Amino acid sequence: MGSSTGDKIKGATNEAVGKAKQGIGKAVDSDRMKGEGVVQEAKGHLQKGKGEAKEAIKKAIDDQ
């Protein structure tokens, strides 16, 4: 199982890159680039959520 911090960092990076791709796609009128950005941003949200879930589970176990 990977680290929760690593998942959160990867998630934040993918969110940022996804948003940037969407902005570039909009600027150059590229639906493909905008679509890739949406997908990458969503992937980032999922990765951050995975990291937060791992952290919550670890905390719950540690508190037992």
PDB file of N, CA and C in Angstrom:
ATOM      1  N   MET A   1       0.858  -1.177   0.000  1.00  0.00           N
ATOM      2  CA  MET A   1       0.000   0.000   0.000  1.00  0.00           C
ATOM      3  C   MET A   1       0.900   1.235   0.000  1.00  0.00           C
ATOM      4  N   GLY A   2       0.652   2.187  -0.933  1.00  0.00           N
ATOM      5  CA  GLY A   2       1.451   3.405  -1.043  1.00  0.00           C
ATOM      6  C   GLY A   2       1.143   4.372   0.078  1.00  0.00           C
ATOM      7  N   SER A   3       1.963   5.382   0.173  1.00  0.00           N
ATOM      8  CA  SER A   3       1.775   6.347   1.251  1.00  0.00           C
ATOM      9  C   SER A   3       0.623   7.293   0.944  1.00  0.00           C
ATOM     10  N   SER A   4      -0.057   7.707   1.986  1.00  0.00           N
ATOM     11  CA  SER A   4      -1.168   8.642   1.811  1.00  0.00           C
ATOM     12  C   SER A   4      -0.650   9.994   1.328  1.00  0.00           C
ATOM     13  N   THR A   5       0.508  10.405   1.816  1.00  0.00           N
ATOM     14  CA  THR A   5       1.085  11.682   1.389  1.00  0.00           C
ATOM     15  C   THR A   5       1.439  11.636  -0.092  1.00  0.00           C
ATOM     16  N   GLY A   6       2.027  10.538  -0.532  1.00  0.00           N
ATOM     17  CA  GLY A   6       2.380  10.388  -1.941  1.00  0.00           C
ATOM     18  C   GLY A   6       1.159  10.463  -2.833  1.00  0.00           C
ATOM     19  N   ASP A   7       0.074   9.810  -2.413  1.00  0.00           N
ATOM     20  CA  ASP A   7      -1.160   9.854  -3.193  1.00  0.00           C
ATOM     21  C   ASP A   7      -1.714  11.273  -3.250  1.00  0.00           C
ATOM     22  N   LYS A   8      -1.648  11.980  -2.129  1.00  0.00           N
ATOM     23  CA  LYS A   8      -2.170  13.349  -2.120  1.00  0.00           C
ATOM     24  C   LYS A   8      -1.323  14.269  -3.009  1.00  0.00           C
ATOM     25  N   ILE A   9      -0.006  14.079  -3.004  1.00  0.00           N
ATOM     26  CA  ILE A   9       0.880  14.900  -3.841  1.00  0.00           C
ATOM     27  C   ILE A   9       0.625  14.600  -5.319  1.00  0.00           C
ATOM     28  N   LYS A  10       0.553  13.319  -5.670  1.00  0.00           N
ATOM     29  CA  LYS A  10       0.271  12.945  -7.060  1.00  0.00           C
ATOM     30  C   LYS A  10      -1.085  13.501  -7.495  1.00  0.00           C
ATOM     31  N   GLY A  11      -2.045  13.422  -6.601  1.00  0.00           N
ATOM     32  CA  GLY A  11      -3.377  13.932  -6.912  1.00  0.00           C
ATOM     33  C   GLY A  11      -3.367  15.429  -7.170  1.00  0.00           C
ATOM     34  N   ALA A  12      -2.693  16.166  -6.315  1.00  0.00           N
ATOM     35  CA  ALA A  12      -2.616  17.618  -6.481  1.00  0.00           C
ATOM     36  C   ALA A  12      -1.900  17.977  -7.779  1.00  0.00           C
ATOM     37  N   THR A  13      -0.855  17.213  -8.104  1.00  0.00           N
ATOM     38  CA  THR A  13      -0.119  17.460  -9.348  1.00  0.00           C
ATOM     39  C   THR A  13      -1.015  17.205 -10.557  1.00  0.00           C
ATOM     40  N   ASN A  14      -1.726  16.083 -10.551  1.00  0.00           N
ATOM     41  CA  ASN A  14      -2.608  15.780 -11.674  1.00  0.00           C
ATOM     42  C   ASN A  14      -3.735  16.801 -11.798  1.00  0.00           C
ATOM     43  N   GLU A  15      -4.242  17.266 -10.672  1.00  0.00           N
ATOM     44  CA  GLU A  15      -5.284  18.303 -10.726  1.00  0.00           C
ATOM     45  C   GLU A  15      -4.736  19.568 -11.392  1.00  0.00           C
ATOM     46  N   ALA A  16      -3.545  19.984 -10.974  1.00  0.00           N
ATOM     47  CA  ALA A  16      -2.948  21.205 -11.516  1.00  0.00           C
ATOM     48  C   ALA A  16      -2.654  21.068 -13.009  1.00  0.00           C
ATOM     49  N   VAL A  17      -2.074  19.930 -13.402  1.00  0.00           N
ATOM     50  CA  VAL A  17      -1.754  19.711 -14.810  1.00  0.00           C
ATOM     51  C   VAL A  17      -3.043  19.633 -15.631  1.00  0.00           C
ATOM     52  N   GLY A  18      -4.052  18.984 -15.073  1.00  0.00           N
ATOM     53  CA  GLY A  18      -5.334  18.885 -15.766  1.00  0.00           C
ATOM     54  C   GLY A  18      -5.965  20.249 -15.994  1.00  0.00           C
ATOM     55  N   LYS A  19      -5.912  21.089 -14.975  1.00  0.00           N
ATOM     56  CA  LYS A  19      -6.458  22.446 -15.118  1.00  0.00           C
ATOM     57  C   LYS A  19      -5.668  23.242 -16.152  1.00  0.00           C
ATOM     58  N   ALA A  20      -4.348  23.071 -16.148  1.00  0.00           N
ATOM     59  CA  ALA A  20      -3.510  23.773 -17.124  1.00  0.00           C
ATOM     60  C   ALA A  20      -3.847  23.317 -18.542  1.00  0.00           C
ATOM     61  N   LYS A  21      -4.000  21.999 -18.729  1.00  0.00           N
ATOM     62  CA  LYS A  21      -4.355  21.477 -20.047  1.00  0.00           C
ATOM     63  C   LYS A  21      -5.696  22.044 -20.517  1.00  0.00           C
ATOM     64  N   GLN A  22      -6.636  22.147 -19.587  1.00  0.00           N
ATOM     65  CA  GLN A  22      -7.935  22.706 -19.956  1.00  0.00           C
ATOM     66  C   GLN A  22      -7.787  24.157 -20.412  1.00  0.00           C
ATOM     67  N   GLY A  23      -6.968  24.916 -19.703  1.00  0.00           N
ATOM     68  CA  GLY A  23      -6.738  26.312 -20.065  1.00  0.00           C
ATOM     69  C   GLY A  23      -6.055  26.443 -21.411  1.00  0.00           C
ATOM     70  N   ILE A  24      -5.050  25.604 -21.651  1.00  0.00           N
ATOM     71  CA  ILE A  24      -4.349  25.628 -22.939  1.00  0.00           C
ATOM     72  C   ILE A  24      -5.305  25.206 -24.046  1.00  0.00           C
ATOM     73  N   GLY A  25      -6.082  24.163 -23.792  1.00  0.00           N
ATOM     74  CA  GLY A  25      -7.044  23.695 -24.783  1.00  0.00           C
ATOM     75  C   GLY A  25      -8.046  24.772 -25.154  1.00  0.00           C
ATOM     76  N   LYS A  26      -8.477  25.519 -24.141  1.00  0.00           N
ATOM     77  CA  LYS A  26      -9.413  26.615 -24.387  1.00  0.00           C
ATOM     78  C   LYS A  26      -8.735  27.717 -25.201  1.00  0.00           C
ATOM     79  N   ALA A  27      -7.485  28.030 -24.853  1.00  0.00           N
ATOM     80  CA  ALA A  27      -6.750  29.103 -25.525  1.00  0.00           C
ATOM     81  C   ALA A  27      -6.486  28.788 -26.996  1.00  0.00           C
ATOM     82  N   VAL A  28      -6.200  27.518 -27.295  1.00  0.00           N
ATOM     83  CA  VAL A  28      -5.892  27.146 -28.679  1.00  0.00           C
ATOM     84  C   VAL A  28      -7.090  26.478 -29.366  1.00  0.00           C
ATOM     85  N   ASP A  29      -8.227  26.493 -28.697  1.00  0.00           N
ATOM     86  CA  ASP A  29      -9.465  25.923 -29.226  1.00  0.00           C
ATOM     87  C   ASP A  29      -9.315  24.442 -29.587  1.00  0.00           C
ATOM     88  N   SER A  30      -8.758  23.676 -28.628  1.00  0.00           N
ATOM     89  CA  SER A  30      -8.554  22.241 -28.827  1.00  0.00           C
ATOM     90  C   SER A  30      -9.458  21.461 -27.873  1.00  0.00           C
ATOM     91  N   ASP A  31     -10.514  20.872 -28.421  1.00  0.00           N
ATOM     92  CA  ASP A  31     -11.413  20.061 -27.602  1.00  0.00           C
ATOM     93  C   ASP A  31     -10.688  18.854 -27.017  1.00  0.00           C
ATOM     94  N   ARG A  32      -9.744  18.296 -27.780  1.00  0.00           N
ATOM     95  CA  ARG A  32      -8.994  17.139 -27.294  1.00  0.00           C
ATOM     96  C   ARG A  32      -8.191  17.508 -26.046  1.00  0.00           C
ATOM     97  N   MET A  33      -7.473  18.631 -26.116  1.00  0.00           N
ATOM     98  CA  MET A  33      -6.657  19.074 -24.979  1.00  0.00           C
ATOM     99  C   MET A  33      -7.550  19.376 -23.776  1.00  0.00           C
ATOM    100  N   LYS A  34      -8.678  20.023 -24.003  1.00  0.00           N
ATOM    101  CA  LYS A  34      -9.602  20.306 -22.899  1.00  0.00           C
ATOM    102  C   LYS A  34     -10.100  19.006 -22.283  1.00  0.00           C
ATOM    103  N   GLY A  35     -10.440  18.023 -23.127  1.00  0.00           N
ATOM    104  CA  GLY A  35     -10.922  16.730 -22.633  1.00  0.00           C
ATOM    105  C   GLY A  35      -9.871  15.997 -21.824  1.00  0.00           C
ATOM    106  N   GLU A  36      -8.636  16.008 -22.317  1.00  0.00           N
ATOM    107  CA  GLU A  36      -7.540  15.373 -21.574  1.00  0.00           C
ATOM    108  C   GLU A  36      -7.369  16.044 -20.213  1.00  0.00           C
ATOM    109  N   GLY A  37      -7.516  17.362 -20.191  1.00  0.00           N
ATOM    110  CA  GLY A  37      -7.390  18.094 -18.935  1.00  0.00           C
ATOM    111  C   GLY A  37      -8.463  17.716 -17.942  1.00  0.00           C
ATOM    112  N   VAL A  38      -9.683  17.579 -18.419  1.00  0.00           N
ATOM    113  CA  VAL A  38     -10.795  17.182 -17.539  1.00  0.00           C
ATOM    114  C   VAL A  38     -10.521  15.807 -16.939  1.00  0.00           C
ATOM    115  N   VAL A  39     -10.072  14.871 -17.779  1.00  0.00           N
ATOM    116  CA  VAL A  39      -9.788  13.509 -17.319  1.00  0.00           C
ATOM    117  C   VAL A  39      -8.652  13.508 -16.303  1.00  0.00           C
ATOM    118  N   GLN A  40      -7.593  14.261 -16.591  1.00  0.00           N
ATOM    119  CA  GLN A  40      -6.448  14.282 -15.677  1.00  0.00           C
ATOM    120  C   GLN A  40      -6.814  14.943 -14.355  1.00  0.00           C
ATOM    121  N   GLU A  41      -7.616  15.993 -14.402  1.00  0.00           N
ATOM    122  CA  GLU A  41      -8.046  16.641 -13.166  1.00  0.00           C
ATOM    123  C   GLU A  41      -8.886  15.678 -12.326  1.00  0.00           C
ATOM    124  N   ALA A  42      -9.782  14.939 -12.969  1.00  0.00           N
ATOM    125  CA  ALA A  42     -10.611  13.963 -12.255  1.00  0.00           C
ATOM    126  C   ALA A  42      -9.743  12.871 -11.624  1.00  0.00           C
ATOM    127  N   LYS A  43      -8.719  12.425 -12.362  1.00  0.00           N
ATOM    128  CA  LYS A  43      -7.788  11.430 -11.825  1.00  0.00           C
ATOM    129  C   LYS A  43      -7.119  11.975 -10.562  1.00  0.00           C
ATOM    130  N   GLY A  44      -6.755  13.250 -10.603  1.00  0.00           N
ATOM    131  CA  GLY A  44      -6.133  13.881  -9.437  1.00  0.00           C
ATOM    132  C   GLY A  44      -7.062  13.915  -8.237  1.00  0.00           C
ATOM    133  N   HIS A  45      -8.325  14.224  -8.481  1.00  0.00           N
ATOM    134  CA  HIS A  45      -9.303  14.227  -7.381  1.00  0.00           C
ATOM    135  C   HIS A  45      -9.386  12.841  -6.742  1.00  0.00           C
ATOM    136  N   LEU A  46      -9.407  11.804  -7.583  1.00  0.00           N
ATOM    137  CA  LEU A  46      -9.481  10.436  -7.061  1.00  0.00           C
ATOM    138  C   LEU A  46      -8.237  10.066  -6.267  1.00  0.00           C
ATOM    139  N   GLN A  47      -7.063  10.448  -6.778  1.00  0.00           N
ATOM    140  CA  GLN A  47      -5.816  10.143  -6.067  1.00  0.00           C
ATOM    141  C   GLN A  47      -5.779  10.833  -4.707  1.00  0.00           C
ATOM    142  N   LYS A  48      -6.187  12.101  -4.666  1.00  0.00           N
ATOM    143  CA  LYS A  48      -6.202  12.808  -3.383  1.00  0.00           C
ATOM    144  C   LYS A  48      -7.175  12.143  -2.431  1.00  0.00           C
ATOM    145  N   GLY A  49      -8.321  11.740  -2.939  1.00  0.00           N
ATOM    146  CA  GLY A  49      -9.302  11.056  -2.097  1.00  0.00           C
ATOM    147  C   GLY A  49      -8.766   9.752  -1.552  1.00  0.00           C
ATOM    148  N   LYS A  50      -8.020   9.023  -2.390  1.00  0.00           N
ATOM    149  CA  LYS A  50      -7.406   7.767  -1.959  1.00  0.00           C
ATOM    150  C   LYS A  50      -6.420   8.032  -0.826  1.00  0.00           C
ATOM    151  N   GLY A  51      -5.611   9.075  -0.967  1.00  0.00           N
ATOM    152  CA  GLY A  51      -4.644   9.423   0.079  1.00  0.00           C
ATOM    153  C   GLY A  51      -5.324   9.811   1.377  1.00  0.00           C
ATOM    154  N   GLU A  52      -6.407  10.575   1.259  1.00  0.00           N
ATOM    155  CA  GLU A  52      -7.142  10.987   2.454  1.00  0.00           C
ATOM    156  C   GLU A  52      -7.803   9.789   3.126  1.00  0.00           C
ATOM    157  N   ALA A  53      -8.303   8.847   2.329  1.00  0.00           N
ATOM    158  CA  ALA A  53      -8.922   7.647   2.902  1.00  0.00           C
ATOM    159  C   ALA A  53      -7.880   6.804   3.635  1.00  0.00           C
ATOM    160  N   LYS A  54      -6.699   6.647   3.019  1.00  0.00           N
ATOM    161  CA  LYS A  54      -5.634   5.886   3.674  1.00  0.00           C
ATOM    162  C   LYS A  54      -5.254   6.530   5.007  1.00  0.00           C
ATOM    163  N   GLU A  55      -5.173   7.853   4.997  1.00  0.00           N
ATOM    164  CA  GLU A  55      -4.810   8.583   6.208  1.00  0.00           C
ATOM    165  C   GLU A  55      -5.872   8.377   7.303  1.00  0.00           C
ATOM    166  N   ALA A  56      -7.139   8.435   6.917  1.00  0.00           N
ATOM    167  CA  ALA A  56      -8.225   8.247   7.885  1.00  0.00           C
ATOM    168  C   ALA A  56      -8.207   6.839   8.460  1.00  0.00           C
ATOM    169  N   ILE A  57      -7.965   5.861   7.612  1.00  0.00           N
ATOM    170  CA  ILE A  57      -7.915   4.467   8.081  1.00  0.00           C
ATOM    171  C   ILE A  57      -6.743   4.271   9.034  1.00  0.00           C
ATOM    172  N   LYS A  58      -5.572   4.803   8.675  1.00  0.00           N
ATOM    173  CA  LYS A  58      -4.405   4.679   9.548  1.00  0.00           C
ATOM    174  C   LYS A  58      -4.672   5.340  10.894  1.00  0.00           C
ATOM    175  N   LYS A  59      -5.285   6.518  10.871  1.00  0.00           N
ATOM    176  CA  LYS A  59      -5.588   7.223  12.110  1.00  0.00           C
ATOM    177  C   LYS A  59      -6.564   6.425  12.958  1.00  0.00           C
ATOM    178  N   ALA A  60      -7.570   5.849  12.336  1.00  0.00           N
ATOM    179  CA  ALA A  60      -8.549   5.043  13.071  1.00  0.00           C
ATOM    180  C   ALA A  60      -7.896   3.837  13.718  1.00  0.00           C
ATOM    181  N   ILE A  61      -6.984   3.200  12.992  1.00  0.00           N
ATOM    182  CA  ILE A  61      -6.273   2.034  13.531  1.00  0.00           C
ATOM    183  C   ILE A  61      -5.356   2.461  14.670  1.00  0.00           C
ATOM    184  N   ASP A  62      -4.648   3.564  14.477  1.00  0.00           N
ATOM    185  CA  ASP A  62      -3.725   4.053  15.512  1.00  0.00           C
ATOM    186  C   ASP A  62      -4.471   4.466  16.774  1.00  0.00           C
ATOM    187  N   ASP A  63      -5.698   4.950  16.643  1.00  0.00           N
ATOM    188  CA  ASP A  63      -6.476   5.399  17.778  1.00  0.00           C
ATOM    189  C   ASP A  63      -7.081   4.243  18.575  1.00  0.00           C
ATOM    190  N   GLN A  64      -7.017   3.033  18.036  1.00  0.00           N
ATOM    191  CA  GLN A  64      -7.615   1.864  18.702  1.00  0.00           C
ATOM    192  C   GLN A  64      -6.831   1.466  19.914  1.00  0.00           C
TER     193      GLN A  64
END
